[in-house]
Amino acid sequence: MTPPTLPPDPPTHVTVTPWDTPHSTLSGIAEDLYEDSAKWRDIYAANRDLIGDDPGGLRIGMQLALPPMEFYPAHVRSVAGVLDQEGGAIGTKLADAMRRLDAIGNFWGGDDLGTKFYKGAEGHSGYETGTGRALDGVVAFADFYHNVAGGLRAMADRHDDFEWENTVRVLETALKAAEK
């Protein structure tokens, strides 16, 4: 499995680019980096001494300081993508292990000993029940990764009005399901 690559830290500066590019206006910079064009005011406030009294007074090549980001949506989406990849890889590996275990179970055959092994005997679960439970756990584990990734994407898409309590509830539900 390839180790995940985390995205870079949020930018702290940006260079003003030629007109009709994402970094040619304060609102364009805010939309591109913060995914919220209204944040242009924060960028302007952080650079007022450099820009002057007119927020439209940007010049190509200016280096603007960016106010700290409470939340960097691109980073969160990248982490969500890594979780999706990891969840898929884990699910694939566990499914492969289950197939190999199933081959061992089928090895025992259909005689009395094989039937006891597969179905269980004397009040004890057999291989069939055990593998069924393991498979349920594999599915819950992979679902957990995908649910967390989905929650992170939702957080990135609605960062200012995101409902943290609802996310915690979803993650708690996923964790409880994974424990079963």
C-alpha atoms as a PDB file:
ATOM      1  CA  MET A   1       0.000   0.000   0.000  1.00  0.00           C
ATOM      2  CA  THR A   2       1.321   3.439  -0.934  1.00  0.00           C
ATOM      3  CA  PRO A   3       1.651   5.780   2.033  1.00  0.00           C
ATOM      4  CA  PRO A   4      -0.804   8.669   1.878  1.00  0.00           C
ATOM      5  CA  THR A   5       0.419  12.060   0.753  1.00  0.00           C
ATOM      6  CA  LEU A   6      -0.877  14.896   2.855  1.00  0.00           C
ATOM      7  CA  PRO A   7      -1.494  18.240   1.195  1.00  0.00           C
ATOM      8  CA  PRO A   8       0.731  21.217   1.926  1.00  0.00           C
ATOM      9  CA  ASP A   9      -0.031  23.530   4.808  1.00  0.00           C
ATOM     10  CA  PRO A  10      -2.414  26.391   4.072  1.00  0.00           C
ATOM     11  CA  PRO A  11      -0.760  29.251   2.230  1.00  0.00           C
ATOM     12  CA  THR A  12       0.331  32.276   4.251  1.00  0.00           C
ATOM     13  CA  HIS A  13       0.997  34.567   1.272  1.00  0.00           C
ATOM     14  CA  VAL A  14      -0.277  34.952  -2.259  1.00  0.00           C
ATOM     15  CA  THR A  15       1.031  36.799  -5.306  1.00  0.00           C
ATOM     16  CA  VAL A  16      -1.371  39.029  -7.228  1.00  0.00           C
ATOM     17  CA  THR A  17      -1.625  37.751 -10.803  1.00  0.00           C
ATOM     18  CA  PRO A  18      -2.759  39.391 -14.070  1.00  0.00           C
ATOM     19  CA  TRP A  19      -6.423  40.300 -14.531  1.00  0.00           C
ATOM     20  CA  ASP A  20      -8.915  37.559 -15.325  1.00  0.00           C
ATOM     21  CA  THR A  21      -7.014  35.010 -13.226  1.00  0.00           C
ATOM     22  CA  PRO A  22      -8.109  33.702  -9.795  1.00  0.00           C
ATOM     23  CA  HIS A  23      -5.569  35.821  -7.901  1.00  0.00           C
ATOM     24  CA  SER A  24      -6.158  39.140  -9.648  1.00  0.00           C
ATOM     25  CA  THR A  25      -8.733  40.460  -7.162  1.00  0.00           C
ATOM     26  CA  LEU A  26      -9.233  40.182  -3.423  1.00  0.00           C
ATOM     27  CA  SER A  27     -12.564  38.418  -3.896  1.00  0.00           C
ATOM     28  CA  GLY A  28     -10.967  36.019  -6.398  1.00  0.00           C
ATOM     29  CA  ILE A  29      -8.192  35.191  -3.938  1.00  0.00           C
ATOM     30  CA  ALA A  30     -10.740  34.720  -1.147  1.00  0.00           C
ATOM     31  CA  GLU A  31     -12.886  32.439  -3.301  1.00  0.00           C
ATOM     32  CA  ASP A  32      -9.938  30.395  -4.530  1.00  0.00           C
ATOM     33  CA  LEU A  33      -8.221  29.864  -1.184  1.00  0.00           C
ATOM     34  CA  TYR A  34     -10.974  30.244   1.428  1.00  0.00           C
ATOM     35  CA  GLU A  35     -13.845  29.160  -0.837  1.00  0.00           C
ATOM     36  CA  ASP A  36     -15.681  32.238   0.382  1.00  0.00           C
ATOM     37  CA  SER A  37     -15.433  35.425  -1.664  1.00  0.00           C
ATOM     38  CA  ALA A  38     -16.692  37.484   1.318  1.00  0.00           C
ATOM     39  CA  LYS A  39     -13.341  36.836   3.045  1.00  0.00           C
ATOM     40  CA  TRP A  40     -11.816  39.486   0.751  1.00  0.00           C
ATOM     41  CA  ARG A  41     -12.392  41.992   3.553  1.00  0.00           C
ATOM     42  CA  ASP A  42     -10.143  39.976   5.889  1.00  0.00           C
ATOM     43  CA  ILE A  43      -7.417  39.820   3.238  1.00  0.00           C
ATOM     44  CA  TYR A  44      -7.775  43.552   2.641  1.00  0.00           C
ATOM     45  CA  ALA A  45      -7.589  44.319   6.375  1.00  0.00           C
ATOM     46  CA  ALA A  46      -4.394  42.240   6.668  1.00  0.00           C
ATOM     47  CA  ASN A  47      -2.812  44.145   3.750  1.00  0.00           C
ATOM     48  CA  ARG A  48      -4.334  47.624   3.951  1.00  0.00           C
ATOM     49  CA  ASP A  49      -0.956  49.267   4.536  1.00  0.00           C
ATOM     50  CA  LEU A  50       0.362  47.671   1.333  1.00  0.00           C
ATOM     51  CA  ILE A  51      -2.757  48.094  -0.829  1.00  0.00           C
ATOM     52  CA  GLY A  52      -3.844  51.533   0.355  1.00  0.00           C
ATOM     53  CA  ASP A  53      -7.341  52.939   0.887  1.00  0.00           C
ATOM     54  CA  ASP A  54      -8.770  51.428  -2.320  1.00  0.00           C
ATOM     55  CA  PRO A  55      -9.317  47.639  -2.099  1.00  0.00           C
ATOM     56  CA  GLY A  56      -9.126  47.570  -5.890  1.00  0.00           C
ATOM     57  CA  GLY A  57      -5.625  49.024  -5.808  1.00  0.00           C
ATOM     58  CA  LEU A  58      -3.872  45.702  -6.355  1.00  0.00           C
ATOM     59  CA  ARG A  59      -0.835  45.553  -8.615  1.00  0.00           C
ATOM     60  CA  ILE A  60       0.431  42.478 -10.396  1.00  0.00           C
ATOM     61  CA  GLY A  61       3.251  40.865  -8.424  1.00  0.00           C
ATOM     62  CA  MET A  62       2.178  42.198  -5.006  1.00  0.00           C
ATOM     63  CA  GLN A  63       2.823  39.727  -2.206  1.00  0.00           C
ATOM     64  CA  LEU A  64      -0.208  39.704   0.078  1.00  0.00           C
ATOM     65  CA  ALA A  65      -0.235  38.179   3.540  1.00  0.00           C
ATOM     66  CA  LEU A  66      -3.158  35.859   4.119  1.00  0.00           C
ATOM     67  CA  PRO A  67      -5.001  35.893   7.433  1.00  0.00           C
ATOM     68  CA  PRO A  68      -4.763  32.548   9.227  1.00  0.00           C
ATOM     69  CA  MET A  69      -7.293  30.024   8.041  1.00  0.00           C
ATOM     70  CA  GLU A  70      -9.426  28.427  10.725  1.00  0.00           C
ATOM     71  CA  PHE A  71     -10.053  25.801   8.191  1.00  0.00           C
ATOM     72  CA  TYR A  72      -8.381  24.951   4.887  1.00  0.00           C
ATOM     73  CA  PRO A  73     -11.010  23.207   2.702  1.00  0.00           C
ATOM     74  CA  ALA A  74      -8.507  21.810   0.182  1.00  0.00           C
ATOM     75  CA  HIS A  75      -6.566  20.139   2.994  1.00  0.00           C
ATOM     76  CA  VAL A  76      -9.694  18.566   4.470  1.00  0.00           C
ATOM     77  CA  ARG A  77     -10.817  17.259   1.054  1.00  0.00           C
ATOM     78  CA  SER A  78      -7.362  15.790   0.526  1.00  0.00           C
ATOM     79  CA  VAL A  79      -7.514  13.980   3.880  1.00  0.00           C
ATOM     80  CA  ALA A  80     -10.991  12.700   2.927  1.00  0.00           C
ATOM     81  CA  GLY A  81      -9.541  11.340  -0.314  1.00  0.00           C
ATOM     82  CA  VAL A  82      -6.775   9.579   1.604  1.00  0.00           C
ATOM     83  CA  LEU A  83      -9.362   7.994   3.923  1.00  0.00           C
ATOM     84  CA  ASP A  84     -11.368   6.804   0.922  1.00  0.00           C
ATOM     85  CA  GLN A  85      -8.237   5.239  -0.574  1.00  0.00           C
ATOM     86  CA  GLU A  86      -7.229   3.653   2.727  1.00  0.00           C
ATOM     87  CA  GLY A  87     -10.761   2.348   3.326  1.00  0.00           C
ATOM     88  CA  GLY A  88     -10.844   0.822  -0.146  1.00  0.00           C
ATOM     89  CA  ALA A  89      -7.408  -0.745   0.274  1.00  0.00           C
ATOM     90  CA  ILE A  90      -8.284  -2.134   3.707  1.00  0.00           C
ATOM     91  CA  GLY A  91     -11.583  -3.487   2.390  1.00  0.00           C
ATOM     92  CA  THR A  92      -9.791  -5.179  -0.518  1.00  0.00           C
ATOM     93  CA  LYS A  93      -7.147  -6.749   1.742  1.00  0.00           C
ATOM     94  CA  LEU A  94      -9.718  -7.953   4.258  1.00  0.00           C
ATOM     95  CA  ALA A  95     -11.966  -9.358   1.522  1.00  0.00           C
ATOM     96  CA  ASP A  96      -8.957 -11.238   0.122  1.00  0.00           C
ATOM     97  CA  ALA A  97      -8.212 -12.624   3.590  1.00  0.00           C
ATOM     98  CA  MET A  98     -11.852 -13.689   3.895  1.00  0.00           C
ATOM     99  CA  ARG A  99     -11.647 -15.529   0.554  1.00  0.00           C
ATOM    100  CA  ARG A 100      -8.541 -17.346   1.744  1.00  0.00           C
ATOM    101  CA  LEU A 101     -10.223 -18.272   5.017  1.00  0.00           C
ATOM    102  CA  ASP A 102     -13.271 -19.463   3.122  1.00  0.00           C
ATOM    103  CA  ALA A 103     -11.021 -21.733   1.061  1.00  0.00           C
ATOM    104  CA  ILE A 104      -9.700 -23.203   4.332  1.00  0.00           C
ATOM    105  CA  GLY A 105     -13.281 -23.759   5.525  1.00  0.00           C
ATOM    106  CA  ASN A 106     -14.208 -25.534   2.315  1.00  0.00           C
ATOM    107  CA  PHE A 107     -11.114 -27.691   2.659  1.00  0.00           C
ATOM    108  CA  TRP A 108     -12.725 -29.582   5.551  1.00  0.00           C
ATOM    109  CA  GLY A 109     -15.236 -31.142   3.216  1.00  0.00           C
ATOM    110  CA  GLY A 110     -18.722 -32.520   3.743  1.00  0.00           C
ATOM    111  CA  ASP A 111     -18.087 -35.418   6.128  1.00  0.00           C
ATOM    112  CA  ASP A 112     -19.176 -35.293   9.789  1.00  0.00           C
ATOM    113  CA  LEU A 113     -16.000 -33.514  10.959  1.00  0.00           C
ATOM    114  CA  GLY A 114     -16.172 -31.000   8.103  1.00  0.00           C
ATOM    115  CA  THR A 115     -19.842 -30.306   8.830  1.00  0.00           C
ATOM    116  CA  LYS A 116     -19.119 -29.756  12.541  1.00  0.00           C
ATOM    117  CA  PHE A 117     -16.279 -27.414  11.656  1.00  0.00           C
ATOM    118  CA  TYR A 118     -18.399 -25.465   9.182  1.00  0.00           C
ATOM    119  CA  LYS A 119     -21.794 -25.430  10.957  1.00  0.00           C
ATOM    120  CA  GLY A 120     -20.687 -25.762  14.575  1.00  0.00           C
ATOM    121  CA  ALA A 121     -21.479 -28.385  17.186  1.00  0.00           C
ATOM    122  CA  GLU A 122     -22.374 -28.749  20.847  1.00  0.00           C
ATOM    123  CA  GLY A 123     -23.719 -25.185  21.123  1.00  0.00           C
ATOM    124  CA  HIS A 124     -20.637 -23.582  19.603  1.00  0.00           C
ATOM    125  CA  SER A 125     -20.571 -21.492  16.459  1.00  0.00           C
ATOM    126  CA  GLY A 126     -18.933 -22.955  13.433  1.00  0.00           C
ATOM    127  CA  TYR A 127     -16.793 -21.493  10.744  1.00  0.00           C
ATOM    128  CA  GLU A 128     -19.851 -20.293   8.801  1.00  0.00           C
ATOM    129  CA  THR A 129     -21.036 -18.070  11.670  1.00  0.00           C
ATOM    130  CA  GLY A 130     -17.553 -16.824  12.465  1.00  0.00           C
ATOM    131  CA  THR A 131     -16.789 -15.834   8.903  1.00  0.00           C
ATOM    132  CA  GLY A 132     -20.183 -14.161   8.596  1.00  0.00           C
ATOM    133  CA  ARG A 133     -19.422 -12.028  11.635  1.00  0.00           C
ATOM    134  CA  ALA A 134     -15.949 -11.257  10.347  1.00  0.00           C
ATOM    135  CA  LEU A 135     -17.356 -10.213   6.985  1.00  0.00           C
ATOM    136  CA  ASP A 136     -19.869  -7.923   8.710  1.00  0.00           C
ATOM    137  CA  GLY A 137     -16.962  -6.378  10.609  1.00  0.00           C
ATOM    138  CA  VAL A 138     -14.993  -5.864   7.383  1.00  0.00           C
ATOM    139  CA  VAL A 139     -17.932  -4.080   5.796  1.00  0.00           C
ATOM    140  CA  ALA A 140     -18.463  -1.916   8.907  1.00  0.00           C
ATOM    141  CA  PHE A 141     -14.761  -1.043   9.001  1.00  0.00           C
ATOM    142  CA  ALA A 142     -14.665   0.025   5.346  1.00  0.00           C
ATOM    143  CA  ASP A 143     -17.959   1.915   5.782  1.00  0.00           C
ATOM    144  CA  PHE A 144     -16.460   3.744   8.756  1.00  0.00           C
ATOM    145  CA  TYR A 145     -13.585   5.058   6.631  1.00  0.00           C
ATOM    146  CA  HIS A 146     -15.974   6.163   3.894  1.00  0.00           C
ATOM    147  CA  ASN A 147     -18.356   7.795   6.408  1.00  0.00           C
ATOM    148  CA  VAL A 148     -15.526   9.770   7.972  1.00  0.00           C
ATOM    149  CA  ALA A 149     -14.361  10.834   4.501  1.00  0.00           C
ATOM    150  CA  GLY A 150     -17.911  11.907   3.614  1.00  0.00           C
ATOM    151  CA  GLY A 151     -18.164  13.877   6.863  1.00  0.00           C
ATOM    152  CA  LEU A 152     -14.907  15.650   6.111  1.00  0.00           C
ATOM    153  CA  ARG A 153     -16.107  16.566   2.626  1.00  0.00           C
ATOM    154  CA  ALA A 154     -19.346  17.930   4.073  1.00  0.00           C
ATOM    155  CA  MET A 155     -17.301  19.943   6.547  1.00  0.00           C
ATOM    156  CA  ALA A 156     -15.152  21.338   3.723  1.00  0.00           C
ATOM    157  CA  ASP A 157     -18.191  22.255   1.658  1.00  0.00           C
ATOM    158  CA  ARG A 158     -19.980  24.045   4.497  1.00  0.00           C
ATOM    159  CA  HIS A 159     -17.073  25.225   6.617  1.00  0.00           C
ATOM    160  CA  ASP A 160     -18.610  28.388   8.081  1.00  0.00           C
ATOM    161  CA  ASP A 161     -21.966  26.927   9.080  1.00  0.00           C
ATOM    162  CA  PHE A 162     -20.947  23.326   9.598  1.00  0.00           C
ATOM    163  CA  GLU A 163     -22.807  21.534  12.342  1.00  0.00           C
ATOM    164  CA  TRP A 164     -20.068  19.934  14.426  1.00  0.00           C
ATOM    165  CA  GLU A 165     -22.499  18.179  16.762  1.00  0.00           C
ATOM    166  CA  ASN A 166     -24.156  16.367  13.863  1.00  0.00           C
ATOM    167  CA  THR A 167     -20.775  15.217  12.582  1.00  0.00           C
ATOM    168  CA  VAL A 168     -19.856  13.893  16.007  1.00  0.00           C
ATOM    169  CA  ARG A 169     -23.161  11.985  16.124  1.00  0.00           C
ATOM    170  CA  VAL A 170     -22.524  10.447  12.696  1.00  0.00           C
ATOM    171  CA  LEU A 171     -18.993   9.417  13.672  1.00  0.00           C
ATOM    172  CA  GLU A 172     -20.213   7.968  16.990  1.00  0.00           C
ATOM    173  CA  THR A 173     -22.824   5.927  15.105  1.00  0.00           C
ATOM    174  CA  ALA A 174     -20.196   4.668  12.675  1.00  0.00           C
ATOM    175  CA  LEU A 175     -17.870   3.737  15.544  1.00  0.00           C
ATOM    176  CA  LYS A 176     -20.628   1.858  17.370  1.00  0.00           C
ATOM    177  CA  ALA A 177     -21.486  -0.042  14.200  1.00  0.00           C
ATOM    178  CA  ALA A 178     -17.807  -0.919  13.716  1.00  0.00           C
ATOM    179  CA  GLU A 179     -17.609  -2.269  17.296  1.00  0.00           C
ATOM    180  CA  LYS A 180     -20.414  -4.792  16.711  1.00  0.00           C
END
